[in-house]
Amino acid sequence: MELLVELGIFEVWISTEHSQTSSVFATLRKSARLKKDIRVHFNDRTEGPYMHH
């Protein structure tokens, strides 16, 4: 899984194992609540695009 976080003009790619995805996403959601301009994009090349809610 590759996770792209866009912070303004900055783009940070984070590669994670599937077992770590939920914890990483939870951390990003907390950050997103503090900074609403954070856009998080998930793309799983094996299972197709999806988003956790």
PDB file of N, CA and C in Angstrom:
ATOM      1  N   MET A   1       0.840  -1.200   0.000  1.00  0.00           N
ATOM      2  CA  MET A   1       0.000   0.000   0.000  1.00  0.00           C
ATOM      3  C   MET A   1       0.868   1.239   0.000  1.00  0.00           C
ATOM      4  N   GLU A   2       0.484   2.198  -0.810  1.00  0.00           N
ATOM      5  CA  GLU A   2       1.172   3.488  -0.804  1.00  0.00           C
ATOM      6  C   GLU A   2       0.188   4.551  -0.358  1.00  0.00           C
ATOM      7  N   LEU A   3       0.635   5.383   0.525  1.00  0.00           N
ATOM      8  CA  LEU A   3      -0.240   6.394   1.090  1.00  0.00           C
ATOM      9  C   LEU A   3       0.337   7.765   0.806  1.00  0.00           C
ATOM     10  N   LEU A   4      -0.478   8.614   0.192  1.00  0.00           N
ATOM     11  CA  LEU A   4      -0.006   9.945  -0.155  1.00  0.00           C
ATOM     12  C   LEU A   4      -0.699  10.990   0.698  1.00  0.00           C
ATOM     13  N   VAL A   5       0.104  11.775   1.389  1.00  0.00           N
ATOM     14  CA  VAL A   5      -0.444  12.867   2.188  1.00  0.00           C
ATOM     15  C   VAL A   5       0.025  14.181   1.578  1.00  0.00           C
ATOM     16  N   GLU A   6      -0.920  15.023   1.212  1.00  0.00           N
ATOM     17  CA  GLU A   6      -0.570  16.302   0.621  1.00  0.00           C
ATOM     18  C   GLU A   6      -0.670  17.394   1.689  1.00  0.00           C
ATOM     19  N   LEU A   7       0.450  17.997   2.012  1.00  0.00           N
ATOM     20  CA  LEU A   7       0.461  19.080   2.996  1.00  0.00           C
ATOM     21  C   LEU A   7       0.878  20.355   2.269  1.00  0.00           C
ATOM     22  N   GLY A   8      -0.115  21.128   1.834  1.00  0.00           N
ATOM     23  CA  GLY A   8       0.209  22.315   1.059  1.00  0.00           C
ATOM     24  C   GLY A   8       0.880  21.901  -0.242  1.00  0.00           C
ATOM     25  N   ILE A   9       2.134  22.341  -0.436  1.00  0.00           N
ATOM     26  CA  ILE A   9       2.868  21.977  -1.636  1.00  0.00           C
ATOM     27  C   ILE A   9       3.719  20.730  -1.406  1.00  0.00           C
ATOM     28  N   PHE A  10       3.687  20.236  -0.179  1.00  0.00           N
ATOM     29  CA  PHE A  10       4.511  19.084   0.158  1.00  0.00           C
ATOM     30  C   PHE A  10       3.763  17.780  -0.113  1.00  0.00           C
ATOM     31  N   GLU A  11       4.465  16.801  -0.627  1.00  0.00           N
ATOM     32  CA  GLU A  11       3.865  15.489  -0.838  1.00  0.00           C
ATOM     33  C   GLU A  11       4.735  14.448  -0.155  1.00  0.00           C
ATOM     34  N   VAL A  12       4.131  13.695   0.739  1.00  0.00           N
ATOM     35  CA  VAL A  12       4.882  12.686   1.483  1.00  0.00           C
ATOM     36  C   VAL A  12       4.302  11.308   1.177  1.00  0.00           C
ATOM     37  N   TRP A  13       5.147  10.449   0.645  1.00  0.00           N
ATOM     38  CA  TRP A  13       4.707   9.087   0.357  1.00  0.00           C
ATOM     39  C   TRP A  13       5.136   8.173   1.494  1.00  0.00           C
ATOM     40  N   ILE A  14       4.191   7.384   1.981  1.00  0.00           N
ATOM     41  CA  ILE A  14       4.486   6.449   3.068  1.00  0.00           C
ATOM     42  C   ILE A  14       4.098   5.040   2.627  1.00  0.00           C
ATOM     43  N   SER A  15       5.055   4.150   2.630  1.00  0.00           N
ATOM     44  CA  SER A  15       4.769   2.751   2.309  1.00  0.00           C
ATOM     45  C   SER A  15       4.543   1.991   3.612  1.00  0.00           C
ATOM     46  N   THR A  16       3.421   1.289   3.699  1.00  0.00           N
ATOM     47  CA  THR A  16       3.106   0.579   4.928  1.00  0.00           C
ATOM     48  C   THR A  16       2.699  -0.851   4.628  1.00  0.00           C
ATOM     49  N   GLU A  17       2.839  -1.709   5.620  1.00  0.00           N
ATOM     50  CA  GLU A  17       2.299  -3.059   5.521  1.00  0.00           C
ATOM     51  C   GLU A  17       0.811  -2.982   5.838  1.00  0.00           C
ATOM     52  N   HIS A  18       0.043  -3.961   5.371  1.00  0.00           N
ATOM     53  CA  HIS A  18      -1.406  -3.938   5.590  1.00  0.00           C
ATOM     54  C   HIS A  18      -1.736  -3.951   7.074  1.00  0.00           C
ATOM     55  N   SER A  19      -0.909  -4.616   7.869  1.00  0.00           N
ATOM     56  CA  SER A  19      -1.163  -4.710   9.304  1.00  0.00           C
ATOM     57  C   SER A  19      -0.968  -3.363   9.998  1.00  0.00           C
ATOM     58  N   GLN A  20      -0.223  -2.474   9.354  1.00  0.00           N
ATOM     59  CA  GLN A  20       0.066  -1.178   9.967  1.00  0.00           C
ATOM     60  C   GLN A  20      -0.848  -0.071   9.447  1.00  0.00           C
ATOM     61  N   THR A  21      -1.601  -0.380   8.386  1.00  0.00           N
ATOM     62  CA  THR A  21      -2.392   0.643   7.713  1.00  0.00           C
ATOM     63  C   THR A  21      -3.381   1.337   8.639  1.00  0.00           C
ATOM     64  N   SER A  22      -4.094   0.557   9.466  1.00  0.00           N
ATOM     65  CA  SER A  22      -5.129   1.134  10.321  1.00  0.00           C
ATOM     66  C   SER A  22      -4.544   2.114  11.333  1.00  0.00           C
ATOM     67  N   SER A  23      -3.400   1.777  11.912  1.00  0.00           N
ATOM     68  CA  SER A  23      -2.795   2.658  12.914  1.00  0.00           C
ATOM     69  C   SER A  23      -2.256   3.930  12.262  1.00  0.00           C
ATOM     70  N   VAL A  24      -1.675   3.780  11.073  1.00  0.00           N
ATOM     71  CA  VAL A  24      -1.159   4.946  10.350  1.00  0.00           C
ATOM     72  C   VAL A  24      -2.302   5.859   9.944  1.00  0.00           C
ATOM     73  N   PHE A  25      -3.394   5.260   9.463  1.00  0.00           N
ATOM     74  CA  PHE A  25      -4.540   6.045   9.039  1.00  0.00           C
ATOM     75  C   PHE A  25      -5.169   6.787  10.206  1.00  0.00           C
ATOM     76  N   ALA A  26      -5.236   6.114  11.360  1.00  0.00           N
ATOM     77  CA  ALA A  26      -5.809   6.733  12.553  1.00  0.00           C
ATOM     78  C   ALA A  26      -5.016   7.974  12.947  1.00  0.00           C
ATOM     79  N   THR A  27      -3.691   7.884  12.852  1.00  0.00           N
ATOM     80  CA  THR A  27      -2.836   9.023  13.171  1.00  0.00           C
ATOM     81  C   THR A  27      -3.077  10.170  12.200  1.00  0.00           C
ATOM     82  N   LEU A  28      -3.246   9.834  10.923  1.00  0.00           N
ATOM     83  CA  LEU A  28      -3.474  10.857   9.905  1.00  0.00           C
ATOM     84  C   LEU A  28      -4.828  11.523  10.086  1.00  0.00           C
ATOM     85  N   ARG A  29      -5.825  10.727  10.504  1.00  0.00           N
ATOM     86  CA  ARG A  29      -7.152  11.309  10.737  1.00  0.00           C
ATOM     87  C   ARG A  29      -7.105  12.320  11.871  1.00  0.00           C
ATOM     88  N   LYS A  30      -6.311  12.030  12.898  1.00  0.00           N
ATOM     89  CA  LYS A  30      -6.158  12.964  14.010  1.00  0.00           C
ATOM     90  C   LYS A  30      -5.521  14.260  13.517  1.00  0.00           C
ATOM     91  N   SER A  31      -4.527  14.119  12.639  1.00  0.00           N
ATOM     92  CA  SER A  31      -3.866  15.295  12.087  1.00  0.00           C
ATOM     93  C   SER A  31      -4.819  16.067  11.186  1.00  0.00           C
ATOM     94  N   ALA A  32      -5.646  15.337  10.438  1.00  0.00           N
ATOM     95  CA  ALA A  32      -6.587  15.967   9.519  1.00  0.00           C
ATOM     96  C   ALA A  32      -7.616  16.796  10.284  1.00  0.00           C
ATOM     97  N   ARG A  33      -7.960  16.351  11.494  1.00  0.00           N
ATOM     98  CA  ARG A  33      -8.922  17.107  12.300  1.00  0.00           C
ATOM     99  C   ARG A  33      -8.306  18.435  12.753  1.00  0.00           C
ATOM    100  N   LEU A  34      -6.987  18.440  12.907  1.00  0.00           N
ATOM    101  CA  LEU A  34      -6.310  19.662  13.330  1.00  0.00           C
ATOM    102  C   LEU A  34      -6.052  20.590  12.141  1.00  0.00           C
ATOM    103  N   LYS A  35      -5.755  19.971  10.995  1.00  0.00           N
ATOM    104  CA  LYS A  35      -5.490  20.759   9.794  1.00  0.00           C
ATOM    105  C   LYS A  35      -6.385  20.252   8.674  1.00  0.00           C
ATOM    106  N   LYS A  36      -7.442  20.997   8.409  1.00  0.00           N
ATOM    107  CA  LYS A  36      -8.445  20.546   7.447  1.00  0.00           C
ATOM    108  C   LYS A  36      -7.942  20.569   6.007  1.00  0.00           C
ATOM    109  N   ASP A  37      -6.772  21.185   5.783  1.00  0.00           N
ATOM    110  CA  ASP A  37      -6.254  21.262   4.421  1.00  0.00           C
ATOM    111  C   ASP A  37      -5.486  20.003   4.030  1.00  0.00           C
ATOM    112  N   ILE A  38      -5.404  19.034   4.970  1.00  0.00           N
ATOM    113  CA  ILE A  38      -4.695  17.787   4.673  1.00  0.00           C
ATOM    114  C   ILE A  38      -5.599  16.861   3.862  1.00  0.00           C
ATOM    115  N   ARG A  39      -5.098  16.445   2.717  1.00  0.00           N
ATOM    116  CA  ARG A  39      -5.847  15.506   1.892  1.00  0.00           C
ATOM    117  C   ARG A  39      -5.123  14.172   1.883  1.00  0.00           C
ATOM    118  N   VAL A  40      -5.863  13.120   2.182  1.00  0.00           N
ATOM    119  CA  VAL A  40      -5.255  11.797   2.252  1.00  0.00           C
ATOM    120  C   VAL A  40      -5.809  10.923   1.138  1.00  0.00           C
ATOM    121  N   HIS A  41      -4.906  10.341   0.366  1.00  0.00           N
ATOM    122  CA  HIS A  41      -5.318   9.494  -0.751  1.00  0.00           C
ATOM    123  C   HIS A  41      -4.769   8.090  -0.552  1.00  0.00           C
ATOM    124  N   PHE A  42      -5.638   7.106  -0.691  1.00  0.00           N
ATOM    125  CA  PHE A  42      -5.202   5.729  -0.575  1.00  0.00           C
ATOM    126  C   PHE A  42      -5.347   5.044  -1.936  1.00  0.00           C
ATOM    127  N   ASN A  43      -4.346   4.266  -2.295  1.00  0.00           N
ATOM    128  CA  ASN A  43      -4.436   3.502  -3.526  1.00  0.00           C
ATOM    129  C   ASN A  43      -3.722   2.174  -3.327  1.00  0.00           C
ATOM    130  N   ASP A  44      -4.496   1.105  -3.331  1.00  0.00           N
ATOM    131  CA  ASP A  44      -3.919  -0.224  -3.179  1.00  0.00           C
ATOM    132  C   ASP A  44      -3.831  -0.852  -4.557  1.00  0.00           C
ATOM    133  N   ARG A  45      -2.624  -1.096  -5.009  1.00  0.00           N
ATOM    134  CA  ARG A  45      -2.419  -1.579  -6.369  1.00  0.00           C
ATOM    135  C   ARG A  45      -2.911  -3.005  -6.569  1.00  0.00           C
ATOM    136  N   THR A  46      -3.118  -3.746  -5.468  1.00  0.00           N
ATOM    137  CA  THR A  46      -3.546  -5.137  -5.586  1.00  0.00           C
ATOM    138  C   THR A  46      -5.054  -5.268  -5.429  1.00  0.00           C
ATOM    139  N   GLU A  47      -5.669  -4.387  -4.660  1.00  0.00           N
ATOM    140  CA  GLU A  47      -7.096  -4.493  -4.385  1.00  0.00           C
ATOM    141  C   GLU A  47      -7.895  -3.347  -5.012  1.00  0.00           C
ATOM    142  N   GLY A  48      -7.214  -2.405  -5.605  1.00  0.00           N
ATOM    143  CA  GLY A  48      -7.897  -1.264  -6.194  1.00  0.00           C
ATOM    144  C   GLY A  48      -8.067  -0.137  -5.190  1.00  0.00           C
ATOM    145  N   PRO A  49      -8.460   1.038  -5.664  1.00  0.00           N
ATOM    146  CA  PRO A  49      -8.622   2.213  -4.787  1.00  0.00           C
ATOM    147  C   PRO A  49      -9.733   2.003  -3.759  1.00  0.00           C
ATOM    148  N   TYR A  50      -9.506   2.462  -2.547  1.00  0.00           N
ATOM    149  CA  TYR A  50     -10.537   2.409  -1.519  1.00  0.00           C
ATOM    150  C   TYR A  50     -10.218   3.406  -0.422  1.00  0.00           C
ATOM    151  N   MET A  51     -11.228   3.747   0.370  1.00  0.00           N
ATOM    152  CA  MET A  51     -11.032   4.690   1.463  1.00  0.00           C
ATOM    153  C   MET A  51     -11.713   4.166   2.712  1.00  0.00           C
ATOM    154  N   HIS A  52     -10.994   4.207   3.843  1.00  0.00           N
ATOM    155  CA  HIS A  52     -11.600   3.808   5.113  1.00  0.00           C
ATOM    156  C   HIS A  52     -12.409   4.957   5.671  1.00  0.00           C
ATOM    157  N   HIS A  53     -13.496   4.635   6.333  1.00  0.00           N
ATOM    158  CA  HIS A  53     -14.314   5.683   6.943  1.00  0.00           C
ATOM    159  C   HIS A  53     -14.351   5.485   8.452  1.00  0.00           C
TER     160      HIS A  53
END
